[in-house]
C-alpha atoms as a PDB file:
ATOM      1  CA  MET A   1     150.953 173.017 199.180  1.00  0.00           C
ATOM      2  CA  ASN A   2     148.013 175.235 198.326  1.00  0.00           C
ATOM      3  CA  SER A   3     145.673 176.485 201.056  1.00  0.00           C
ATOM      4  CA  GLN A   4     142.725 174.130 201.394  1.00  0.00           C
ATOM      5  CA  SER A   5     140.500 172.403 203.899  1.00  0.00           C
ATOM      6  CA  LYS A   6     142.181 169.779 206.028  1.00  0.00           C
ATOM      7  CA  PRO A   7     141.610 166.170 204.991  1.00  0.00           C
ATOM      8  CA  ARG A   8     138.873 164.448 207.029  1.00  0.00           C
ATOM      9  CA  ILE A   9     140.155 161.086 208.244  1.00  0.00           C
ATOM     10  CA  VAL A  10     138.322 158.382 210.177  1.00  0.00           C
ATOM     11  CA  VAL A  11     140.801 156.833 212.602  1.00  0.00           C
ATOM     12  CA  SER A  12     140.693 153.942 215.049  1.00  0.00           C
ATOM     13  CA  LYS A  13     140.491 155.590 218.468  1.00  0.00           C
ATOM     14  CA  CYS A  14     143.131 153.274 219.956  1.00  0.00           C
ATOM     15  CA  LEU A  15     145.779 154.801 217.646  1.00  0.00           C
ATOM     16  CA  GLY A  16     146.777 157.580 220.003  1.00  0.00           C
ATOM     17  CA  PHE A  17     143.375 158.930 221.058  1.00  0.00           C
ATOM     18  CA  ALA A  18     142.203 156.665 223.910  1.00  0.00           C
ATOM     19  CA  ALA A  19     143.257 153.565 225.842  1.00  0.00           C
ATOM     20  CA  CYS A  20     140.419 151.515 224.395  1.00  0.00           C
ATOM     21  CA  ARG A  21     142.025 148.336 223.065  1.00  0.00           C
ATOM     22  CA  TYR A  22     140.675 145.020 224.331  1.00  0.00           C
ATOM     23  CA  ASN A  23     143.608 144.883 226.798  1.00  0.00           C
ATOM     24  CA  GLY A  24     143.051 148.441 228.036  1.00  0.00           C
ATOM     25  CA  LEU A  25     146.049 149.889 226.193  1.00  0.00           C
ATOM     26  CA  MET A  26     146.545 152.616 223.604  1.00  0.00           C
ATOM     27  CA  ILE A  27     148.919 152.366 220.641  1.00  0.00           C
ATOM     28  CA  SER A  28     151.496 155.132 220.340  1.00  0.00           C
ATOM     29  CA  SER A  29     151.829 156.113 216.680  1.00  0.00           C
ATOM     30  CA  PRO A  30     154.442 158.734 215.669  1.00  0.00           C
ATOM     31  CA  PHE A  31     152.701 159.027 212.309  1.00  0.00           C
ATOM     32  CA  VAL A  32     149.322 159.831 213.889  1.00  0.00           C
ATOM     33  CA  ARG A  33     150.937 162.372 216.227  1.00  0.00           C
ATOM     34  CA  LYS A  34     152.514 164.136 213.261  1.00  0.00           C
ATOM     35  CA  LEU A  35     149.298 164.029 211.293  1.00  0.00           C
ATOM     36  CA  LYS A  36     147.110 165.555 214.027  1.00  0.00           C
ATOM     37  CA  ASP A  37     148.116 169.125 213.136  1.00  0.00           C
ATOM     38  CA  HIS A  38     147.312 168.639 209.452  1.00  0.00           C
ATOM     39  CA  VAL A  39     144.062 166.676 209.270  1.00  0.00           C
ATOM     40  CA  ASP A  40     140.675 166.597 210.973  1.00  0.00           C
ATOM     41  CA  PHE A  41     140.533 163.214 212.654  1.00  0.00           C
ATOM     42  CA  ILE A  42     137.257 161.421 213.400  1.00  0.00           C
ATOM     43  CA  PRO A  43     138.207 158.861 216.082  1.00  0.00           C
ATOM     44  CA  VAL A  44     136.003 155.816 216.551  1.00  0.00           C
ATOM     45  CA  CYS A  45     136.177 152.521 218.433  1.00  0.00           C
ATOM     46  CA  PRO A  46     133.431 150.301 217.005  1.00  0.00           C
ATOM     47  CA  GLU A  47     133.810 147.749 219.794  1.00  0.00           C
ATOM     48  CA  GLN A  48     133.256 150.374 222.475  1.00  0.00           C
ATOM     49  CA  GLU A  49     130.354 151.806 220.489  1.00  0.00           C
ATOM     50  CA  ILE A  50     128.465 148.505 220.652  1.00  0.00           C
ATOM     51  CA  GLY A  51     128.823 148.416 224.422  1.00  0.00           C
ATOM     52  CA  LEU A  52     131.954 146.325 224.972  1.00  0.00           C
ATOM     53  CA  GLY A  53     133.984 147.583 227.921  1.00  0.00           C
ATOM     54  CA  VAL A  54     137.679 148.305 228.429  1.00  0.00           C
ATOM     55  CA  PRO A  55     139.401 145.973 229.026  1.00  0.00           C
ATOM     56  CA  ARG A  56     137.209 143.324 227.398  1.00  0.00           C
ATOM     57  CA  ASP A  57     137.289 139.744 226.298  1.00  0.00           C
ATOM     58  CA  PRO A  58     138.632 139.461 222.739  1.00  0.00           C
ATOM     59  CA  ILE A  59     136.304 139.020 219.783  1.00  0.00           C
ATOM     60  CA  ARG A  60     136.943 137.086 216.586  1.00  0.00           C
ATOM     61  CA  ILE A  61     135.517 136.486 213.131  1.00  0.00           C
ATOM     62  CA  VAL A  62     134.011 133.008 212.843  1.00  0.00           C
ATOM     63  CA  GLU A  63     132.989 131.324 209.607  1.00  0.00           C
ATOM     64  CA  THR A  64     130.472 128.478 209.636  1.00  0.00           C
ATOM     65  CA  LYS A  65     128.696 127.115 206.564  1.00  0.00           C
ATOM     66  CA  GLY A  66     129.953 130.042 204.484  1.00  0.00           C
ATOM     67  CA  ARG A  67     128.610 132.701 206.852  1.00  0.00           C
ATOM     68  CA  ARG A  68     130.922 134.962 208.807  1.00  0.00           C
ATOM     69  CA  SER A  69     129.950 136.299 212.200  1.00  0.00           C
ATOM     70  CA  LEU A  70     131.558 138.352 214.943  1.00  0.00           C
ATOM     71  CA  PHE A  71     131.827 136.301 218.109  1.00  0.00           C
ATOM     72  CA  GLN A  72     133.135 136.728 221.671  1.00  0.00           C
ATOM     73  CA  PRO A  73     134.266 133.248 222.758  1.00  0.00           C
ATOM     74  CA  ALA A  74     134.510 133.995 226.499  1.00  0.00           C
ATOM     75  CA  THR A  75     130.878 135.107 226.762  1.00  0.00           C
ATOM     76  CA  GLY A  76     129.328 133.221 223.849  1.00  0.00           C
ATOM     77  CA  ARG A  77     127.905 136.461 222.421  1.00  0.00           C
ATOM     78  CA  ASP A  78     127.243 136.843 218.709  1.00  0.00           C
ATOM     79  CA  LEU A  79     127.921 140.535 218.025  1.00  0.00           C
ATOM     80  CA  THR A  80     127.332 140.471 214.271  1.00  0.00           C
ATOM     81  CA  GLY A  81     124.010 142.282 214.271  1.00  0.00           C
ATOM     82  CA  GLU A  82     125.132 144.946 216.725  1.00  0.00           C
ATOM     83  CA  MET A  83     128.336 145.685 214.796  1.00  0.00           C
ATOM     84  CA  ASN A  84     126.566 145.799 211.437  1.00  0.00           C
ATOM     85  CA  ALA A  85     123.916 148.129 212.852  1.00  0.00           C
ATOM     86  CA  PHE A  86     126.493 150.489 214.365  1.00  0.00           C
ATOM     87  CA  ALA A  87     128.670 150.560 211.241  1.00  0.00           C
ATOM     88  CA  GLY A  88     125.669 151.245 209.017  1.00  0.00           C
ATOM     89  CA  GLU A  89     124.509 154.172 211.159  1.00  0.00           C
ATOM     90  CA  PHE A  90     128.033 155.558 211.520  1.00  0.00           C
ATOM     91  CA  PHE A  91     128.640 155.708 207.795  1.00  0.00           C
ATOM     92  CA  LYS A  92     125.159 157.074 207.115  1.00  0.00           C
ATOM     93  CA  ASP A  93     125.888 160.066 209.352  1.00  0.00           C
ATOM     94  CA  LEU A  94     129.582 160.447 208.517  1.00  0.00           C
ATOM     95  CA  GLY A  95     129.477 163.120 205.814  1.00  0.00           C
ATOM     96  CA  PRO A  96     132.408 163.901 203.485  1.00  0.00           C
ATOM     97  CA  VAL A  97     135.578 161.964 204.237  1.00  0.00           C
ATOM     98  CA  ASP A  98     138.917 161.672 202.447  1.00  0.00           C
ATOM     99  CA  GLY A  99     140.395 158.595 204.058  1.00  0.00           C
ATOM    100  CA  PHE A 100     140.578 156.029 206.842  1.00  0.00           C
ATOM    101  CA  LEU A 101     143.465 155.043 209.115  1.00  0.00           C
ATOM    102  CA  LEU A 102     142.412 151.855 210.897  1.00  0.00           C
ATOM    103  CA  LYS A 103     143.846 149.309 213.325  1.00  0.00           C
ATOM    104  CA  THR A 104     145.599 146.491 211.568  1.00  0.00           C
ATOM    105  CA  ARG A 105     144.224 142.934 211.855  1.00  0.00           C
ATOM    106  CA  SER A 106     141.347 144.038 214.113  1.00  0.00           C
ATOM    107  CA  PRO A 107     138.176 141.917 213.735  1.00  0.00           C
ATOM    108  CA  SER A 108     136.236 145.186 213.722  1.00  0.00           C
ATOM    109  CA  CYS A 109     138.544 147.769 212.080  1.00  0.00           C
ATOM    110  CA  GLY A 110     141.006 145.664 210.060  1.00  0.00           C
ATOM    111  CA  ILE A 111     141.056 146.108 206.281  1.00  0.00           C
ATOM    112  CA  LYS A 112     142.953 142.890 205.485  1.00  0.00           C
ATOM    113  CA  ASP A 113     144.805 140.006 207.144  1.00  0.00           C
ATOM    114  CA  VAL A 114     142.169 139.614 209.877  1.00  0.00           C
ATOM    115  CA  LYS A 115     142.186 136.038 211.157  1.00  0.00           C
ATOM    116  CA  VAL A 116     139.091 133.964 210.485  1.00  0.00           C
ATOM    117  CA  TYR A 117     138.270 131.024 212.753  1.00  0.00           C
ATOM    118  CA  PRO A 118     136.324 127.843 211.928  1.00  0.00           C
ATOM    119  CA  GLY A 119     134.331 127.959 215.151  1.00  0.00           C
ATOM    120  CA  PRO A 120     133.627 129.923 218.331  1.00  0.00           C
ATOM    121  CA  LEU A 121     135.660 127.807 220.769  1.00  0.00           C
ATOM    122  CA  LYS A 122     138.598 129.586 222.423  1.00  0.00           C
ATOM    123  CA  GLY A 123     141.125 126.913 221.514  1.00  0.00           C
ATOM    124  CA  ALA A 124     140.303 126.762 217.799  1.00  0.00           C
ATOM    125  CA  ALA A 125     143.127 127.632 215.426  1.00  0.00           C
ATOM    126  CA  PRO A 126     142.480 130.228 212.694  1.00  0.00           C
ATOM    127  CA  VAL A 127     141.747 129.003 209.195  1.00  0.00           C
ATOM    128  CA  THR A 128     144.132 129.787 206.352  1.00  0.00           C
ATOM    129  CA  GLY A 129     141.949 132.426 204.749  1.00  0.00           C
ATOM    130  CA  LYS A 130     141.932 135.978 206.075  1.00  0.00           C
ATOM    131  CA  SER A 131     139.424 138.765 205.839  1.00  0.00           C
ATOM    132  CA  SER A 132     138.656 142.398 206.569  1.00  0.00           C
ATOM    133  CA  GLY A 133     136.956 143.345 209.836  1.00  0.00           C
ATOM    134  CA  PHE A 134     133.255 144.127 209.946  1.00  0.00           C
ATOM    135  CA  PHE A 135     133.681 147.914 210.242  1.00  0.00           C
ATOM    136  CA  GLY A 136     136.775 148.123 208.020  1.00  0.00           C
ATOM    137  CA  GLY A 137     135.210 145.890 205.396  1.00  0.00           C
ATOM    138  CA  LEU A 138     132.153 148.122 205.130  1.00  0.00           C
ATOM    139  CA  ALA A 139     134.431 151.159 204.780  1.00  0.00           C
ATOM    140  CA  LEU A 140     136.165 149.466 201.836  1.00  0.00           C
ATOM    141  CA  GLU A 141     132.807 148.662 200.272  1.00  0.00           C
ATOM    142  CA  LEU A 142     131.241 152.109 200.693  1.00  0.00           C
ATOM    143  CA  TYR A 143     134.317 154.257 199.962  1.00  0.00           C
ATOM    144  CA  PRO A 144     136.244 152.543 197.137  1.00  0.00           C
ATOM    145  CA  GLY A 145     137.780 155.814 195.953  1.00  0.00           C
ATOM    146  CA  ARG A 146     139.087 156.958 199.325  1.00  0.00           C
ATOM    147  CA  ALA A 147     142.501 156.379 200.881  1.00  0.00           C
ATOM    148  CA  ILE A 148     142.036 153.464 203.304  1.00  0.00           C
ATOM    149  CA  GLU A 149     145.018 152.043 205.170  1.00  0.00           C
ATOM    150  CA  ASP A 150     145.989 150.451 208.469  1.00  0.00           C
ATOM    151  CA  GLU A 151     148.787 151.665 210.709  1.00  0.00           C
ATOM    152  CA  GLY A 152     150.884 148.572 210.039  1.00  0.00           C
ATOM    153  CA  ARG A 153     151.067 149.111 206.275  1.00  0.00           C
ATOM    154  CA  LEU A 154     151.914 152.793 206.783  1.00  0.00           C
ATOM    155  CA  GLU A 155     155.291 151.822 208.198  1.00  0.00           C
ATOM    156  CA  ASN A 156     156.276 151.306 204.556  1.00  0.00           C
ATOM    157  CA  ALA A 157     157.547 154.627 203.152  1.00  0.00           C
ATOM    158  CA  ASP A 158     156.051 154.132 199.678  1.00  0.00           C
ATOM    159  CA  ILE A 159     152.618 153.198 201.028  1.00  0.00           C
ATOM    160  CA  ARG A 160     152.740 156.146 203.445  1.00  0.00           C
ATOM    161  CA  ASP A 161     153.676 158.551 200.645  1.00  0.00           C
ATOM    162  CA  HIS A 162     150.793 157.192 198.578  1.00  0.00           C
ATOM    163  CA  PHE A 163     148.329 157.563 201.466  1.00  0.00           C
ATOM    164  CA  LEU A 164     149.390 161.156 202.192  1.00  0.00           C
ATOM    165  CA  THR A 165     149.344 162.116 198.534  1.00  0.00           C
ATOM    166  CA  ARG A 166     145.813 160.785 198.154  1.00  0.00           C
ATOM    167  CA  ILE A 167     144.259 162.341 201.252  1.00  0.00           C
ATOM    168  CA  PHE A 168     145.553 165.837 200.485  1.00  0.00           C
ATOM    169  CA  ALA A 169     144.660 165.601 196.802  1.00  0.00           C
ATOM    170  CA  LEU A 170     141.166 164.327 197.616  1.00  0.00           C
ATOM    171  CA  ALA A 171     140.649 167.082 200.193  1.00  0.00           C
ATOM    172  CA  GLY A 172     141.684 169.678 197.627  1.00  0.00           C
ATOM    173  CA  LEU A 173     139.280 168.261 195.075  1.00  0.00           C
ATOM    174  CA  ARG A 174     136.492 168.150 197.675  1.00  0.00           C
ATOM    175  CA  ASP A 175     137.005 171.891 198.225  1.00  0.00           C
ATOM    176  CA  ILE A 176     136.614 172.566 194.510  1.00  0.00           C
ATOM    177  CA  LEU A 177     133.588 170.331 193.996  1.00  0.00           C
ATOM    178  CA  ASN A 178     131.794 171.842 196.995  1.00  0.00           C
ATOM    179  CA  SER A 179     132.328 175.436 195.940  1.00  0.00           C
ATOM    180  CA  GLY A 180     133.105 175.574 192.225  1.00  0.00           C
ATOM    181  CA  PRO A 181     133.413 177.413 189.933  1.00  0.00           C
ATOM    182  CA  VAL A 182     134.671 175.616 186.813  1.00  0.00           C
ATOM    183  CA  LYS A 183     137.690 177.919 186.702  1.00  0.00           C
ATOM    184  CA  LYS A 184     138.909 176.494 190.019  1.00  0.00           C
ATOM    185  CA  LEU A 185     138.582 172.941 188.721  1.00  0.00           C
ATOM    186  CA  VAL A 186     140.634 173.869 185.653  1.00  0.00           C
ATOM    187  CA  GLU A 187     143.324 175.340 187.937  1.00  0.00           C
ATOM    188  CA  PHE A 188     143.218 172.225 190.116  1.00  0.00           C
ATOM    189  CA  HIS A 189     143.639 170.002 187.075  1.00  0.00           C
ATOM    190  CA  SER A 190     146.550 172.074 185.797  1.00  0.00           C
ATOM    191  CA  ALA A 191     148.319 171.906 189.168  1.00  0.00           C
ATOM    192  CA  HIS A 192     147.938 168.105 189.285  1.00  0.00           C
ATOM    193  CA  LYS A 193     149.115 167.389 185.721  1.00  0.00           C
ATOM    194  CA  LEU A 194     152.473 165.903 186.684  1.00  0.00           C
ATOM    195  CA  GLN A 195     150.968 163.999 189.584  1.00  0.00           C
ATOM    196  CA  LEU A 196     148.412 162.466 187.235  1.00  0.00           C
ATOM    197  CA  MET A 197     151.157 161.730 184.712  1.00  0.00           C
ATOM    198  CA  ALA A 198     152.965 159.702 187.369  1.00  0.00           C
ATOM    199  CA  TYR A 199     149.880 157.852 188.546  1.00  0.00           C
ATOM    200  CA  SER A 200     147.933 157.102 185.370  1.00  0.00           C
ATOM    201  CA  GLN A 201     148.377 158.622 181.926  1.00  0.00           C
ATOM    202  CA  LYS A 202     145.154 156.925 180.841  1.00  0.00           C
ATOM    203  CA  GLU A 203     143.138 158.710 183.516  1.00  0.00           C
ATOM    204  CA  MET A 204     145.087 161.933 182.955  1.00  0.00           C
ATOM    205  CA  ARG A 205     143.908 161.942 179.337  1.00  0.00           C
ATOM    206  CA  ALA A 206     140.327 161.150 180.382  1.00  0.00           C
ATOM    207  CA  LEU A 207     140.359 164.021 182.873  1.00  0.00           C
ATOM    208  CA  GLY A 208     141.818 166.359 180.273  1.00  0.00           C
ATOM    209  CA  LYS A 209     138.986 165.520 177.881  1.00  0.00           C
ATOM    210  CA  LEU A 210     136.436 166.208 180.613  1.00  0.00           C
ATOM    211  CA  VAL A 211     137.929 169.588 181.434  1.00  0.00           C
ATOM    212  CA  ALA A 212     138.003 170.475 177.727  1.00  0.00           C
ATOM    213  CA  ARG A 213     134.217 169.953 177.644  1.00  0.00           C
ATOM    214  CA  GLN A 214     133.592 172.335 180.536  1.00  0.00           C
ATOM    215  CA  ASN A 215     131.334 174.605 178.446  1.00  0.00           C
ATOM    216  CA  GLU A 216     129.068 171.818 177.207  1.00  0.00           C
ATOM    217  CA  LEU A 217     128.639 169.800 180.422  1.00  0.00           C
ATOM    218  CA  LYS A 218     126.497 170.656 183.414  1.00  0.00           C
ATOM    219  CA  TRP A 219     128.550 171.325 186.560  1.00  0.00           C
ATOM    220  CA  THR A 220     127.107 168.262 188.328  1.00  0.00           C
ATOM    221  CA  GLU A 221     128.039 166.040 185.385  1.00  0.00           C
ATOM    222  CA  LEU A 222     131.524 167.535 185.076  1.00  0.00           C
ATOM    223  CA  ALA A 223     132.161 167.321 188.826  1.00  0.00           C
ATOM    224  CA  ALA A 224     130.963 163.712 189.152  1.00  0.00           C
ATOM    225  CA  GLY A 225     132.960 162.581 186.133  1.00  0.00           C
ATOM    226  CA  TYR A 226     136.097 164.356 187.265  1.00  0.00           C
ATOM    227  CA  GLN A 227     135.900 162.922 190.782  1.00  0.00           C
ATOM    228  CA  ALA A 228     135.412 159.378 189.494  1.00  0.00           C
ATOM    229  CA  HIS A 229     138.385 159.515 187.121  1.00  0.00           C
ATOM    230  CA  PHE A 230     140.588 161.339 189.647  1.00  0.00           C
ATOM    231  CA  GLU A 231     139.938 158.743 192.336  1.00  0.00           C
ATOM    232  CA  GLN A 232     140.625 155.991 189.823  1.00  0.00           C
ATOM    233  CA  ALA A 233     143.886 157.653 188.804  1.00  0.00           C
ATOM    234  CA  LEU A 234     145.224 157.797 192.361  1.00  0.00           C
ATOM    235  CA  GLY A 235     144.098 154.298 193.267  1.00  0.00           C
ATOM    236  CA  ARG A 236     147.471 152.590 192.915  1.00  0.00           C
ATOM    237  CA  ILE A 237     151.068 153.453 193.772  1.00  0.00           C
ATOM    238  CA  PRO A 238     152.904 154.699 190.654  1.00  0.00           C
ATOM    239  CA  ARG A 239     155.519 152.468 189.096  1.00  0.00           C
ATOM    240  CA  PRO A 240     159.129 153.683 189.483  1.00  0.00           C
ATOM    241  CA  ARG A 241     159.360 154.109 185.697  1.00  0.00           C
ATOM    242  CA  SER A 242     156.479 156.583 185.835  1.00  0.00           C
ATOM    243  CA  HIS A 243     158.452 158.875 188.153  1.00  0.00           C
ATOM    244  CA  LEU A 244     161.383 158.789 185.765  1.00  0.00           C
ATOM    245  CA  ASN A 245     159.095 159.820 182.913  1.00  0.00           C
ATOM    246  CA  VAL A 246     157.733 162.749 184.934  1.00  0.00           C
ATOM    247  CA  LEU A 247     161.190 163.995 185.854  1.00  0.00           C
ATOM    248  CA  MET A 248     162.371 163.717 182.246  1.00  0.00           C
ATOM    249  CA  HIS A 249     159.288 165.696 181.222  1.00  0.00           C
ATOM    250  CA  ALA A 250     160.153 168.370 183.814  1.00  0.00           C
ATOM    251  CA  LEU A 251     163.719 168.518 182.535  1.00  0.00           C
ATOM    252  CA  GLY A 252     162.340 169.578 179.159  1.00  0.00           C
ATOM    253  CA  TYR A 253     161.202 172.887 180.640  1.00  0.00           C
ATOM    254  CA  PHE A 254     164.852 173.845 181.151  1.00  0.00           C
ATOM    255  CA  LYS A 255     166.404 172.454 177.977  1.00  0.00           C
ATOM    256  CA  ASP A 256     167.485 175.915 176.799  1.00  0.00           C
ATOM    257  CA  ASP A 257     168.607 177.151 180.213  1.00  0.00           C
ATOM    258  CA  LEU A 258     170.882 174.431 181.579  1.00  0.00           C
ATOM    259  CA  THR A 259     174.477 173.744 180.718  1.00  0.00           C
ATOM    260  CA  THR A 260     175.480 170.472 179.136  1.00  0.00           C
ATOM    261  CA  ALA A 261     177.158 169.471 182.380  1.00  0.00           C
ATOM    262  CA  GLU A 262     173.997 170.163 184.403  1.00  0.00           C
ATOM    263  CA  LYS A 263     171.876 168.070 182.079  1.00  0.00           C
ATOM    264  CA  LYS A 264     174.425 165.260 182.158  1.00  0.00           C
ATOM    265  CA  TYR A 265     174.502 165.282 185.951  1.00  0.00           C
ATOM    266  CA  PHE A 266     170.708 165.186 186.182  1.00  0.00           C
ATOM    267  CA  LEU A 267     170.500 162.247 183.767  1.00  0.00           C
ATOM    268  CA  GLU A 268     173.078 160.431 185.884  1.00  0.00           C
ATOM    269  CA  GLN A 269     170.859 160.993 188.934  1.00  0.00           C
ATOM    270  CA  LEU A 270     167.871 159.579 187.053  1.00  0.00           C
ATOM    271  CA  GLU A 271     169.906 156.507 186.181  1.00  0.00           C
ATOM    272  CA  LEU A 272     170.725 156.021 189.872  1.00  0.00           C
ATOM    273  CA  LEU A 273     167.072 156.567 190.764  1.00  0.00           C
ATOM    274  CA  GLY A 274     166.057 153.926 188.248  1.00  0.00           C
ATOM    275  CA  ARG A 275     168.346 151.457 190.025  1.00  0.00           C
ATOM    276  CA  ASP A 276     166.931 152.501 193.429  1.00  0.00           C
ATOM    277  CA  LYS A 277     170.329 153.860 194.503  1.00  0.00           C
ATOM    278  CA  ILE A 278     169.003 157.301 195.478  1.00  0.00           C
ATOM    279  CA  PRO A 279     165.607 158.487 196.747  1.00  0.00           C
ATOM    280  CA  LEU A 280     163.119 160.251 194.520  1.00  0.00           C
ATOM    281  CA  SER A 281     163.535 163.423 196.581  1.00  0.00           C
ATOM    282  CA  THR A 282     167.162 163.789 195.431  1.00  0.00           C
ATOM    283  CA  ALA A 283     166.217 164.140 191.764  1.00  0.00           C
ATOM    284  CA  ALA A 284     163.137 166.216 192.610  1.00  0.00           C
ATOM    285  CA  THR A 285     165.292 168.661 194.579  1.00  0.00           C
ATOM    286  CA  LEU A 286     167.334 169.360 191.457  1.00  0.00           C
ATOM    287  CA  ILE A 287     164.172 170.258 189.575  1.00  0.00           C
ATOM    288  CA  GLY A 288     163.158 172.444 192.519  1.00  0.00           C
ATOM    289  CA  SER A 289     166.407 174.365 192.396  1.00  0.00           C
ATOM    290  CA  TRP A 290     165.874 175.099 188.693  1.00  0.00           C
ATOM    291  CA  VAL A 291     162.280 176.170 189.291  1.00  0.00           C
ATOM    292  CA  ALA A 292     163.547 178.721 191.804  1.00  0.00           C
ATOM    293  CA  ARG A 293     166.460 179.785 189.621  1.00  0.00           C
ATOM    294  CA  PHE A 294     164.473 180.257 186.401  1.00  0.00           C
ATOM    295  CA  GLN A 295     161.148 181.199 188.041  1.00  0.00           C
ATOM    296  CA  ASP A 296     159.099 178.618 186.175  1.00  0.00           C
ATOM    297  CA  LYS A 297     155.554 179.309 187.353  1.00  0.00           C
ATOM    298  CA  TYR A 298     153.962 176.171 185.880  1.00  0.00           C
ATOM    299  CA  LEU A 299     156.305 173.722 187.602  1.00  0.00           C
ATOM    300  CA  GLY A 300     156.248 175.840 190.743  1.00  0.00           C
ATOM    301  CA  LEU A 301     152.526 175.140 191.083  1.00  0.00           C
ATOM    302  CA  GLN A 302     152.758 171.400 190.476  1.00  0.00           C
ATOM    303  CA  THR A 303     151.586 169.353 193.456  1.00  0.00           C
ATOM    304  CA  TYR A 304     153.750 166.460 192.275  1.00  0.00           C
ATOM    305  CA  PHE A 305     156.805 167.973 193.938  1.00  0.00           C
ATOM    306  CA  GLU A 306     155.127 168.702 197.269  1.00  0.00           C
ATOM    307  CA  PRO A 307     151.897 166.685 197.513  1.00  0.00           C
ATOM    308  CA  TYR A 308     151.606 167.069 201.299  1.00  0.00           C
ATOM    309  CA  PRO A 309     153.133 169.236 204.071  1.00  0.00           C
ATOM    310  CA  ARG A 310     156.890 168.954 204.422  1.00  0.00           C
ATOM    311  CA  GLU A 311     156.651 168.192 208.135  1.00  0.00           C
ATOM    312  CA  LEU A 312     154.987 164.865 207.341  1.00  0.00           C
ATOM    313  CA  ALA A 313     158.044 163.706 205.427  1.00  0.00           C
ATOM    314  CA  ASP A 314     160.154 163.761 208.590  1.00  0.00           C
ATOM    315  CA  LEU A 315     159.558 160.130 209.506  1.00  0.00           C
ATOM    316  CA  PRO A 316     161.741 157.004 209.272  1.00  0.00           C
ATOM    317  CA  GLY A 317     161.957 155.797 205.700  1.00  0.00           C
ATOM    318  CA  SER A 318     160.395 158.949 204.255  1.00  0.00           C
ATOM    319  CA  SER A 319     163.437 159.821 202.160  1.00  0.00           C
ATOM    320  CA  LYS A 320     161.980 157.884 199.256  1.00  0.00           C
ATOM    321  CA  GLY A 321     159.254 160.506 198.792  1.00  0.00           C
ATOM    322  CA  ARG A 322     159.170 163.638 196.688  1.00  0.00           C
ATOM    323  CA  ILE A 323     159.214 166.283 199.425  1.00  0.00           C
ATOM    324  CA  GLY A 324     162.079 168.675 198.924  1.00  0.00           C
ATOM    325  CA  GLY A 325     161.585 169.129 195.197  1.00  0.00           C
ATOM    326  CA  VAL A 326     159.822 172.476 194.954  1.00  0.00           C
END
């Protein structure tokens, strides 16, 4: 990991920051505890911010005649206007942000799978369709290129690896775009080549063409174009085949240095990786050992092998990630 500003992450306050859930409890999240030392969190509880107490009567999303509203059945209050007003002001004043970590299924913070009800009555069953919460939905709308997840989805090792990779990459790019100069952007692009190769070769080529035009584009044009393509590139989790291609590409840097037996063993590991019999980190560690042994500076600088701090890999299920490569 290169030295850079910490990622700025908006987080639901109930995820380890305050006992502010509707039932007066706080959720203990090992992931959030680990992350606290490595990111700048911006905790928020939208429901508290609009004046609802702790504990409080639950709220729900209600859909009538095609219109969705935020309703508190026990009190009969329609909170739609208050929540929309708060969310709008919050995001207007937020400033640069690299990601969001929000409470799953919350009618305010949820980003998906939030229950939608056909009416305000307490006994009504939820309809089949599900939605995002009012605050979380606006975050998705306003920040399409940022890493936005809920704590439930981050229990999946692949999704967590993707989230961490994105927030640290986006924070690094934010540093460059805020300060320049072009030389730093070129270095950033070079260090992310293998990462981009894994995520999207189409966007990697587009970014390469942009960087090649550095002398003919204005900085604002270059920076905006690079950010747009970079965010697009990291938008989806790479396919397993893409990781195999990257590791085969890395192997090529040592084709004249390794023994036949070493190459054979590495290819056997890739075959096991392709069948999901070993984690990605196992094959990446072999590349890391060769980087150290042969002092390959280019691969040594590649963020692909260590896209986020090693300490964040020490969580259940994290062995599928790349940490441990270089």
